Amino acid sequence: SYINTLEAIGFSDSRTLLVCVGLCSSLTLEAVVRLKNLEDLYAEDILGLPVPDDERYFDSIARRVFVLNCVHPVFEALYDSVRENLLDRSGAVLIEETIFPAIWNDNIYIVDPSARLQIQCEIDALVGLAFGITPELLKSLYCQLFPVMEKYDRGNGVNRLRLIKEASEHFQERGW
């Protein structure tokens, strides 16, 4: 989907911005957009997208979005504003505390393709959990609504469903 005629979205804080990016980059919200048969997204469509009531996963989502997207020193101010809030409350399969040092450096963001895939699968699992979606339902959505992605993954030897399921089980075991 493409976002049209939208010039700006304001957020009250940087955590909310990162969570919004995580939600919008997830298979769950992309499935909603596909089920609504929206080819182009307008402001009213974005405002009509569901937001999970369960915020327990938001810090973990925000932290992962940061390391996937904030890949340039221009994000240092954002890094400083979110670091304290996200460091202690966000368990991870892949991300360790060492990735969030006290001072910005070029090793903060993730560039390795397999690590980036793992983190995106963790975001998909966390968003699914925030919406109360089981790994089995996520599997159904993936297989039915994303056949091109599934074919591409299979061709590249990627088992996205296994990664999402393992991440989901990890987060559930944490006791959220």
Protein backbone atom coordinates (compact mmCIF):
# COMPACT_ATOMS: atom_id res chain seq x y z
CA SER A 1 0.00 0.00 0.00
CA TYR A 2 1.04 3.55 -0.56
CA ILE A 3 0.40 6.50 1.72
CA ASN A 4 -1.00 9.42 -0.28
CA THR A 5 -1.81 13.04 0.50
CA LEU A 6 -0.35 12.77 3.98
CA GLU A 7 2.09 15.54 4.73
CA ALA A 8 2.84 14.95 8.39
CA ILE A 9 1.92 13.00 11.46
CA GLY A 10 2.77 14.43 14.86
CA PHE A 11 3.63 12.31 17.87
CA SER A 12 3.63 13.35 21.50
CA ASP A 13 6.89 11.52 22.18
CA SER A 14 9.56 9.49 20.41
CA ARG A 15 8.41 6.18 21.91
CA THR A 16 4.99 6.64 20.29
CA LEU A 17 6.65 7.38 16.94
CA LEU A 18 8.72 4.18 17.13
CA VAL A 19 5.72 2.09 18.20
CA CYS A 20 3.66 3.48 15.30
CA VAL A 21 6.42 2.57 12.85
CA GLY A 22 6.56 -0.93 14.34
CA LEU A 23 2.81 -1.42 14.09
CA CYS A 24 2.74 -0.14 10.51
CA SER A 25 5.64 -2.38 9.46
CA SER A 26 4.06 -5.53 10.89
CA LEU A 27 2.40 -8.35 9.00
CA THR A 28 -0.62 -7.88 11.26
CA LEU A 29 -1.45 -4.33 10.15
CA GLU A 30 -0.46 -5.08 6.57
CA ALA A 31 -2.99 -7.92 6.72
CA VAL A 32 -5.65 -5.47 7.91
CA VAL A 33 -4.85 -3.16 4.99
CA ARG A 34 -5.05 -6.08 2.55
CA LEU A 35 -8.31 -7.35 4.03
CA LYS A 36 -9.80 -3.86 3.68
CA ASN A 37 -8.63 -3.98 0.06
CA LEU A 38 -6.82 -0.65 0.37
CA GLU A 39 -4.30 -0.01 -2.38
CA ASP A 40 -3.61 3.53 -1.29
CA LEU A 41 -3.75 4.84 2.26
CA TYR A 42 -5.11 8.26 3.02
CA ALA A 43 -5.13 10.08 6.33
CA GLU A 44 -8.59 8.77 7.24
CA ASP A 45 -7.43 5.21 6.51
CA ILE A 46 -4.42 5.55 8.77
CA LEU A 47 -6.55 7.02 11.55
CA GLY A 48 -8.92 4.07 11.14
CA LEU A 49 -6.26 1.39 11.60
CA PRO A 50 -6.60 -0.60 14.81
CA VAL A 51 -4.26 0.05 17.73
CA PRO A 52 -3.82 -2.69 20.33
CA ASP A 53 -5.11 -2.04 23.83
CA ASP A 54 -2.34 -4.14 25.33
CA GLU A 55 0.67 -1.83 25.64
CA ARG A 56 2.92 -4.35 27.43
CA TYR A 57 4.78 -4.98 24.20
CA PHE A 58 5.26 -1.38 23.08
CA ASP A 59 8.71 -0.78 24.58
CA SER A 60 9.99 -3.97 22.97
CA ILE A 61 8.51 -2.97 19.62
CA ALA A 62 10.00 0.53 19.85
CA ARG A 63 13.45 -0.77 20.69
CA ARG A 64 13.52 -3.11 17.71
CA VAL A 65 12.22 -0.44 15.34
CA PHE A 66 15.02 1.84 16.49
CA VAL A 67 17.83 -0.60 15.68
CA LEU A 68 16.30 -1.40 12.28
CA ASN A 69 15.62 2.15 11.14
CA CYS A 70 17.81 4.66 12.93
CA VAL A 71 20.95 3.90 10.96
CA HIS A 72 22.60 7.31 10.78
CA PRO A 73 24.08 9.66 13.40
CA VAL A 74 21.29 12.13 12.61
CA PHE A 75 19.21 9.90 14.92
CA GLU A 76 21.47 10.54 17.91
CA ALA A 77 18.94 12.90 19.54
CA LEU A 78 16.18 10.31 19.14
CA TYR A 79 18.53 7.70 20.55
CA ASP A 80 19.20 9.84 23.63
CA SER A 81 15.49 10.47 24.15
CA VAL A 82 14.46 6.80 24.03
CA ARG A 83 17.49 5.04 25.50
CA GLU A 84 16.61 5.44 29.16
CA ASN A 85 12.99 4.42 28.69
CA LEU A 86 13.64 1.36 26.57
CA LEU A 87 16.79 -0.14 28.03
CA ASP A 88 15.47 -1.98 31.05
CA ARG A 89 11.94 -2.93 30.03
CA SER A 90 12.50 -4.66 26.73
CA GLY A 91 13.56 -8.32 26.77
CA ALA A 92 14.90 -9.66 23.52
CA VAL A 93 15.81 -12.80 21.69
CA LEU A 94 18.56 -11.06 19.74
CA ILE A 95 19.12 -7.57 21.12
CA GLU A 96 21.34 -7.35 24.16
CA GLU A 97 21.92 -4.33 26.38
CA THR A 98 25.33 -3.81 24.82
CA ILE A 99 23.56 -2.57 21.71
CA PHE A 100 22.35 0.46 23.68
CA PRO A 101 25.55 2.01 25.06
CA ALA A 102 25.47 5.35 26.88
CA ILE A 103 26.72 7.24 23.81
CA TRP A 104 25.62 6.88 20.17
CA ASN A 105 28.05 4.97 17.95
CA ASP A 106 27.98 3.27 14.56
CA ASN A 107 27.42 -0.18 16.09
CA ILE A 108 23.98 0.60 17.49
CA TYR A 109 21.93 -0.29 14.45
CA ILE A 110 21.68 -3.71 12.85
CA VAL A 111 22.92 -4.20 9.29
CA ASP A 112 23.33 -7.99 9.03
CA PRO A 113 20.43 -9.28 6.86
CA SER A 114 19.74 -12.37 8.98
CA ALA A 115 19.76 -10.31 12.19
CA ARG A 116 17.43 -7.75 10.58
CA LEU A 117 15.06 -10.55 9.56
CA GLN A 118 15.13 -11.92 13.13
CA ILE A 119 14.27 -8.50 14.53
CA GLN A 120 11.45 -7.96 12.02
CA CYS A 121 10.04 -11.37 12.97
CA GLU A 122 10.24 -10.33 16.62
CA ILE A 123 8.30 -7.17 15.76
CA ASP A 124 5.69 -9.29 13.97
CA ALA A 125 5.43 -11.59 17.00
CA LEU A 126 5.16 -8.67 19.45
CA VAL A 127 2.51 -6.86 17.40
CA GLY A 128 0.58 -10.11 17.06
CA LEU A 129 0.71 -10.62 20.83
CA ALA A 130 -0.34 -7.02 21.44
CA PHE A 131 -3.43 -7.66 19.32
CA GLY A 132 -4.02 -11.04 20.97
CA ILE A 133 -3.21 -12.94 17.78
CA THR A 134 -1.80 -16.42 18.19
CA PRO A 135 1.20 -17.65 16.19
CA GLU A 136 -1.19 -20.04 14.42
CA LEU A 137 -3.37 -17.17 13.21
CA LEU A 138 -0.27 -15.22 12.15
CA LYS A 139 0.74 -18.31 10.15
CA SER A 140 -2.65 -18.35 8.43
CA LEU A 141 -2.42 -14.64 7.61
CA TYR A 142 1.10 -15.08 6.24
CA CYS A 143 0.23 -18.09 4.09
CA GLN A 144 -3.04 -16.67 2.74
CA LEU A 145 -2.27 -12.97 2.37
CA PHE A 146 1.45 -12.95 1.60
CA PRO A 147 2.05 -15.75 -0.93
CA VAL A 148 4.74 -13.77 -2.77
CA MET A 149 6.66 -13.18 0.47
CA GLU A 150 6.26 -16.84 1.38
CA LYS A 151 7.60 -17.93 -2.03
CA TYR A 152 10.52 -15.49 -1.77
CA ASP A 153 11.32 -16.69 1.77
CA ARG A 154 11.18 -20.32 0.71
CA GLY A 155 13.49 -19.60 -2.23
CA ASN A 156 15.99 -17.96 0.10
CA GLY A 157 15.84 -20.72 2.70
CA VAL A 158 14.09 -18.48 5.23
CA ASN A 159 11.58 -19.95 7.64
CA ARG A 160 9.84 -16.73 8.74
CA LEU A 161 7.02 -18.65 10.41
CA ARG A 162 9.46 -20.55 12.64
CA LEU A 163 11.21 -17.29 13.60
CA ILE A 164 7.91 -15.61 14.43
CA LYS A 165 6.67 -18.61 16.42
CA GLU A 166 9.93 -18.88 18.40
CA ALA A 167 9.90 -15.18 19.16
CA SER A 168 6.24 -15.30 20.19
CA GLU A 169 6.89 -18.25 22.51
CA HIS A 170 9.90 -16.44 23.99
CA PHE A 171 7.85 -13.35 24.77
CA GLN A 172 4.98 -15.38 26.18
CA GLU A 173 7.40 -17.25 28.46
CA ARG A 174 8.61 -13.92 29.81
CA GLY A 175 5.18 -13.64 31.38
CA TRP A 176 3.64 -10.66 29.63
